Protein backbone atom coordinates (compact mmCIF):
# COMPACT_ATOMS: atom_id res chain seq x y z
CA MET A 1 -0.05 -0.05 -0.04
CA LEU A 2 2.78 2.31 1.14
CA GLN A 3 4.44 2.06 -2.43
CA ARG A 4 1.01 2.52 -4.31
CA ILE A 5 0.49 6.01 -2.15
CA GLN A 6 4.02 6.77 -3.16
CA ARG A 7 3.59 6.07 -6.78
CA ILE A 8 0.13 7.98 -7.18
CA ALA A 9 1.73 11.10 -5.48
CA GLU A 10 4.78 11.04 -7.54
CA HIS A 11 2.56 10.75 -10.58
CA LEU A 12 0.49 13.97 -9.54
CA LYS A 13 3.53 15.86 -8.60
CA LYS A 14 5.05 15.39 -12.03
CA THR A 15 1.75 16.14 -13.80
CA THR A 16 0.94 19.36 -11.59
CA GLY A 17 4.28 20.67 -10.18
CA PHE A 18 2.12 21.93 -7.47
CA THR A 19 2.35 21.40 -3.87
CA PRO A 20 -1.04 22.01 -1.78
CA GLU A 21 -0.88 23.05 1.96
CA THR A 22 -4.57 22.24 2.47
CA GLY A 23 -6.62 19.01 1.47
CA ILE A 24 -10.27 19.42 0.99
CA ILE A 25 -12.95 16.57 0.59
CA LEU A 26 -16.10 17.75 -0.95
CA GLY A 27 -19.30 15.67 -0.28
CA THR A 28 -22.63 15.10 -1.87
CA GLY A 29 -24.16 18.19 -3.12
CA LEU A 30 -21.32 20.26 -1.96
CA SER A 31 -18.83 19.90 -4.96
CA GLY A 32 -19.74 23.48 -6.02
CA LEU A 33 -17.11 24.86 -3.53
CA GLY A 34 -14.63 23.89 -6.26
CA LYS A 35 -15.99 26.77 -8.42
CA GLU A 36 -14.51 29.00 -5.71
CA ILE A 37 -11.08 27.57 -6.29
CA ASP A 38 -8.60 29.17 -8.85
CA VAL A 39 -8.03 26.01 -10.48
CA LYS A 40 -4.63 25.32 -12.13
CA HIS A 41 -5.12 21.59 -12.83
CA ALA A 42 -8.34 19.49 -12.87
CA ILE A 43 -7.52 15.63 -13.09
CA ALA A 44 -10.34 13.03 -13.45
CA TYR A 45 -9.94 10.27 -11.07
CA LYS A 46 -10.02 7.78 -13.98
CA ASP A 47 -6.78 9.34 -15.43
CA ILE A 48 -4.93 8.88 -12.39
CA PRO A 49 -3.23 5.47 -12.44
CA GLU A 50 -4.05 3.10 -9.60
CA PHE A 51 -6.68 5.56 -8.20
CA PRO A 52 -10.35 4.54 -7.29
CA VAL A 53 -13.31 6.07 -9.28
CA SER A 54 -16.52 7.49 -7.35
CA THR A 55 -19.65 5.93 -8.41
CA VAL A 56 -22.05 8.16 -6.66
CA GLU A 57 -24.23 10.36 -8.45
CA GLY A 58 -23.58 14.37 -7.48
CA HIS A 59 -19.57 13.38 -7.11
CA PRO A 60 -18.04 14.70 -10.10
CA GLY A 61 -14.81 12.62 -9.57
CA LYS A 62 -12.03 15.05 -9.98
CA LEU A 63 -8.95 16.36 -8.21
CA LEU A 64 -8.70 20.08 -8.20
CA PHE A 65 -5.19 21.80 -7.67
CA GLY A 66 -5.24 25.43 -7.18
CA HIS A 67 -5.91 28.40 -4.79
CA LEU A 68 -8.70 29.04 -2.40
CA GLY A 69 -8.60 32.06 -0.07
CA GLY A 70 -5.22 32.68 -1.56
CA LYS A 71 -4.00 29.30 -0.27
CA PRO A 72 -2.46 26.26 -2.35
CA VAL A 73 -5.15 23.53 -2.21
CA VAL A 74 -6.07 20.07 -3.43
CA ALA A 75 -9.72 19.27 -3.50
CA MET A 76 -11.57 15.99 -4.08
CA GLN A 77 -14.89 16.61 -6.01
CA GLY A 78 -16.43 13.42 -4.70
CA ARG A 79 -15.21 10.80 -2.12
CA PHE A 80 -15.00 7.08 -2.09
CA HIS A 81 -17.33 5.37 0.33
CA PHE A 82 -17.31 1.99 1.98
CA TYR A 83 -20.70 1.18 0.51
CA GLU A 84 -19.43 1.36 -3.03
CA GLY A 85 -17.80 -1.88 -2.21
CA TRP A 86 -14.24 -0.30 -1.98
CA ASP A 87 -12.24 -1.51 0.95
CA MET A 88 -11.03 1.01 3.66
CA GLY A 89 -7.56 1.21 2.03
CA ASP A 90 -9.00 2.44 -1.02
CA VAL A 91 -11.63 4.94 1.05
CA VAL A 92 -8.85 6.65 2.91
CA LEU A 93 -6.06 6.33 -0.12
CA PRO A 94 -6.75 10.10 -1.08
CA VAL A 95 -5.99 11.35 2.17
CA ARG A 96 -2.84 9.36 2.46
CA VAL A 97 -1.74 10.69 -0.83
CA PHE A 98 -2.67 14.31 0.22
CA LYS A 99 -0.13 13.69 2.81
CA PHE A 100 2.65 12.86 0.55
CA LEU A 101 1.91 15.90 -1.65
CA GLY A 102 2.59 17.96 1.27
CA ILE A 103 -0.98 18.95 2.90
CA GLU A 104 -0.60 20.21 6.48
CA ARG A 105 -4.31 20.07 7.32
CA LEU A 106 -7.73 18.46 5.97
CA PHE A 107 -10.96 20.15 5.56
CA VAL A 108 -14.04 17.86 5.06
CA SER A 109 -17.73 18.36 4.11
CA ASN A 110 -20.64 16.03 3.99
CA ALA A 111 -24.40 15.76 3.98
CA CYS A 112 -26.06 13.75 6.73
CA GLY A 113 -29.13 13.37 8.86
CA GLY A 114 -29.96 14.96 12.02
CA THR A 115 -30.84 13.19 15.16
CA ASN A 116 -30.51 16.09 17.56
CA PRO A 117 -33.96 17.29 17.96
CA ALA A 118 -32.82 20.99 18.26
CA PHE A 119 -31.63 20.79 14.59
CA GLU A 120 -33.48 21.72 11.59
CA THR A 121 -33.26 20.60 8.09
CA GLY A 122 -30.68 22.88 6.14
CA ASP A 123 -28.57 23.52 9.41
CA LEU A 124 -24.80 23.34 9.13
CA MET A 125 -23.04 21.64 11.86
CA ILE A 126 -19.49 21.90 12.75
CA LEU A 127 -18.08 18.47 13.91
CA ASN A 128 -16.21 18.57 17.32
CA ASP A 129 -16.27 14.65 17.64
CA HIS A 130 -17.37 11.35 16.02
CA ILE A 131 -17.99 7.85 16.74
CA ASN A 132 -16.74 5.38 14.27
CA LEU A 133 -19.20 2.33 13.41
CA PHE A 134 -17.19 1.59 10.27
CA PRO A 135 -14.61 -1.04 10.30
CA ASN A 136 -11.42 1.02 11.34
CA PRO A 137 -9.30 1.93 8.34
CA LEU A 138 -6.16 1.22 10.34
CA ILE A 139 -7.05 -2.50 10.89
CA GLY A 140 -4.34 -4.80 9.54
CA LYS A 141 -0.50 -4.47 9.72
CA ASN A 142 0.38 -0.78 10.66
CA ILE A 143 2.36 1.17 8.04
CA ASP A 144 5.00 2.72 10.32
CA GLU A 145 5.92 5.42 7.70
CA LEU A 146 2.32 6.80 7.98
CA GLY A 147 1.87 6.91 11.79
CA PRO A 148 1.87 4.92 14.80
CA ARG A 149 0.13 1.73 15.69
CA PHE A 150 -2.11 3.09 18.28
CA PRO A 151 -2.80 6.82 17.35
CA ASP A 152 -4.19 9.12 19.68
CA MET A 153 -7.73 10.33 18.97
CA SER A 154 -8.53 12.64 21.71
CA GLU A 155 -8.71 15.68 19.51
CA PRO A 156 -10.26 14.27 16.10
CA TYR A 157 -11.28 17.88 15.02
CA ASP A 158 -8.83 20.59 15.73
CA HIS A 159 -10.07 23.08 18.44
CA GLY A 160 -8.30 26.03 16.84
CA PHE A 161 -10.03 25.45 13.47
CA ILE A 162 -13.56 24.95 15.32
CA ALA A 163 -13.29 28.33 17.32
CA LYS A 164 -12.30 30.21 14.02
CA ALA A 165 -15.12 28.65 12.08
CA LYS A 166 -17.64 29.55 14.73
CA ALA A 167 -16.00 33.45 14.80
CA ILE A 168 -16.60 33.37 10.91
CA ALA A 169 -19.95 32.19 11.03
CA ALA A 170 -20.99 34.68 13.62
CA LYS A 171 -19.21 37.43 11.87
CA ASN A 172 -21.30 36.76 8.63
CA ASP A 173 -24.75 36.09 10.59
CA ILE A 174 -24.62 32.37 9.80
CA PRO A 175 -26.10 30.14 12.32
CA VAL A 176 -24.20 26.92 13.07
CA GLN A 177 -24.76 23.90 15.15
CA VAL A 178 -21.83 22.09 16.85
CA GLY A 179 -22.05 18.32 17.55
CA CYS A 180 -20.93 14.70 17.25
CA TYR A 181 -21.18 12.84 13.90
CA VAL A 182 -21.71 8.94 13.78
CA GLY A 183 -20.17 7.24 10.84
CA LEU A 184 -22.38 4.18 9.73
CA THR A 185 -21.59 2.08 6.40
CA GLY A 186 -24.76 2.65 4.42
CA PRO A 187 -26.05 2.53 1.59
CA THR A 188 -29.44 2.41 3.30
CA LEU A 189 -30.75 5.31 5.07
CA GLU A 190 -31.51 4.65 8.86
CA THR A 191 -34.66 3.03 10.24
CA PRO A 192 -36.35 4.95 13.13
CA ALA A 193 -34.78 2.43 15.66
CA GLU A 194 -31.45 3.23 14.08
CA TYR A 195 -31.78 6.99 14.58
CA ARG A 196 -32.83 6.39 18.27
CA TYR A 197 -29.85 4.46 18.69
CA VAL A 198 -27.60 7.01 17.03
CA ARG A 199 -29.01 9.67 19.54
CA HIS A 200 -28.98 7.35 22.54
CA ILE A 201 -24.95 6.72 21.85
CA GLY A 202 -24.40 10.59 21.74
CA GLY A 203 -24.87 11.39 17.97
CA ASP A 204 -26.22 14.79 16.88
CA ALA A 205 -25.82 13.60 13.13
CA VAL A 206 -25.42 10.46 11.20
CA GLY A 207 -23.77 9.88 7.73
CA MET A 208 -21.62 7.34 5.51
CA SER A 209 -18.51 9.19 5.23
CA THR A 210 -15.76 11.42 7.01
CA VAL A 211 -14.91 9.30 9.68
CA PRO A 212 -12.41 7.05 7.95
CA GLU A 213 -10.86 9.70 6.24
CA VAL A 214 -10.53 11.83 9.72
CA ILE A 215 -8.97 8.66 11.37
CA ALA A 216 -6.36 8.12 8.43
CA ALA A 217 -5.30 11.85 8.63
CA ARG A 218 -5.01 11.88 12.45
CA HIS A 219 -2.98 8.55 12.10
CA MET A 220 -0.55 10.79 10.04
CA GLY A 221 -0.48 13.76 12.22
CA ILE A 222 -2.90 15.92 10.09
CA PRO A 223 -5.34 18.40 12.12
CA CYS A 224 -8.77 18.01 10.75
CA PHE A 225 -11.92 20.31 10.17
CA ALA A 226 -15.37 19.01 9.11
CA MET A 227 -18.54 20.41 8.62
CA SER A 228 -21.86 18.82 7.79
CA VAL A 229 -25.01 19.95 6.18
CA ILE A 230 -28.01 18.56 7.96
CA THR A 231 -30.23 17.35 5.04
CA ASP A 232 -33.06 15.29 6.71
CA MET A 233 -34.24 14.80 10.06
CA GLY A 234 -34.02 11.34 11.99
CA VAL A 235 -36.09 12.53 15.15
CA GLU A 236 -39.14 10.71 16.10
CA GLY A 237 -42.13 12.33 14.89
CA ARG A 238 -40.06 14.15 12.21
CA ILE A 239 -38.86 11.27 9.89
CA GLU A 240 -39.94 11.34 6.41
CA LYS A 241 -38.99 9.50 3.57
CA THR A 242 -35.86 10.51 1.89
CA THR A 243 -34.03 10.01 -1.58
CA HIS A 244 -30.58 10.89 -2.80
CA GLU A 245 -31.94 13.69 -4.78
CA MET A 246 -33.67 15.22 -1.95
CA VAL A 247 -30.41 15.09 -0.04
CA GLN A 248 -28.47 16.77 -3.00
CA ARG A 249 -31.05 19.57 -3.23
CA VAL A 250 -30.82 20.62 0.53
CA ALA A 251 -27.05 20.20 0.33
CA GLU A 252 -26.91 22.51 -2.56
CA LYS A 253 -29.00 25.16 -1.17
CA ALA A 254 -26.92 25.35 2.01
CA GLU A 255 -23.68 25.25 0.06
CA PRO A 256 -22.95 28.96 -0.31
CA LYS A 257 -22.99 29.24 3.54
CA LEU A 258 -20.54 26.41 3.82
CA THR A 259 -18.40 27.75 1.20
CA LEU A 260 -18.14 30.88 2.87
CA ILE A 261 -16.92 29.47 6.12
CA MET A 262 -14.62 27.21 4.38
CA ARG A 263 -12.98 29.71 2.16
CA GLU A 264 -12.43 32.25 4.99
CA LEU A 265 -11.07 29.69 7.39
CA ILE A 266 -8.59 28.25 4.76
CA ALA A 267 -7.42 31.97 4.12
CA SER A 268 -6.93 32.46 7.79
CA CYS A 269 -4.42 29.22 7.91
């Protein structure tokens, strides 16, 4: 795996000649942040040797190299999910490649369901913690060149980034929630009993991504920031039938606010 990561990183370095400082992962309905990037290179996943290819509608499947907020970034327009059939090594491969490209921080976005009754559809939530119900991406022989066998997870989401993001949101009159994200495999949306379970174990929101990538990043010592769009509610009495198209529409409507916070936060780094 280490050799594969190194080969992909070397290919991208030779192709772009670009050294990013910030890695960005754009989730369902949130790829429009890519329009804010002054793009120098756009490379389709299918054109990157040994790289996975996203199969989810709403995920364009490109790596963007350029500048956002005046800072050099690399952004994934579309991520890889465990439910697509990828193993966890493939799911977190891009984050590991980003590390070898030179990133110093990782910013992640996602669309998810809300389980906190104080939330509303369309809310933005800054992640301050997570609960991992995926197979852990670090299971198996440890790659010592990436990080330690038993990485500390006492601060999965950087406290400094969280404070800055809250200040940016307040300055721009953007209401934000702060909470714990629970990562499930999907692809089914949750049953009412599963929503109750997520809430009972301490989750404010539930989704099918983000957690594996953050675990891989923290394993490599990369500080992380993540933000969710609450696209539907999993609270008893407020649960309704939800489709992927509905999720995309809500995420796209909330995208300008998320984009502003992300852009200003990156500019401040």
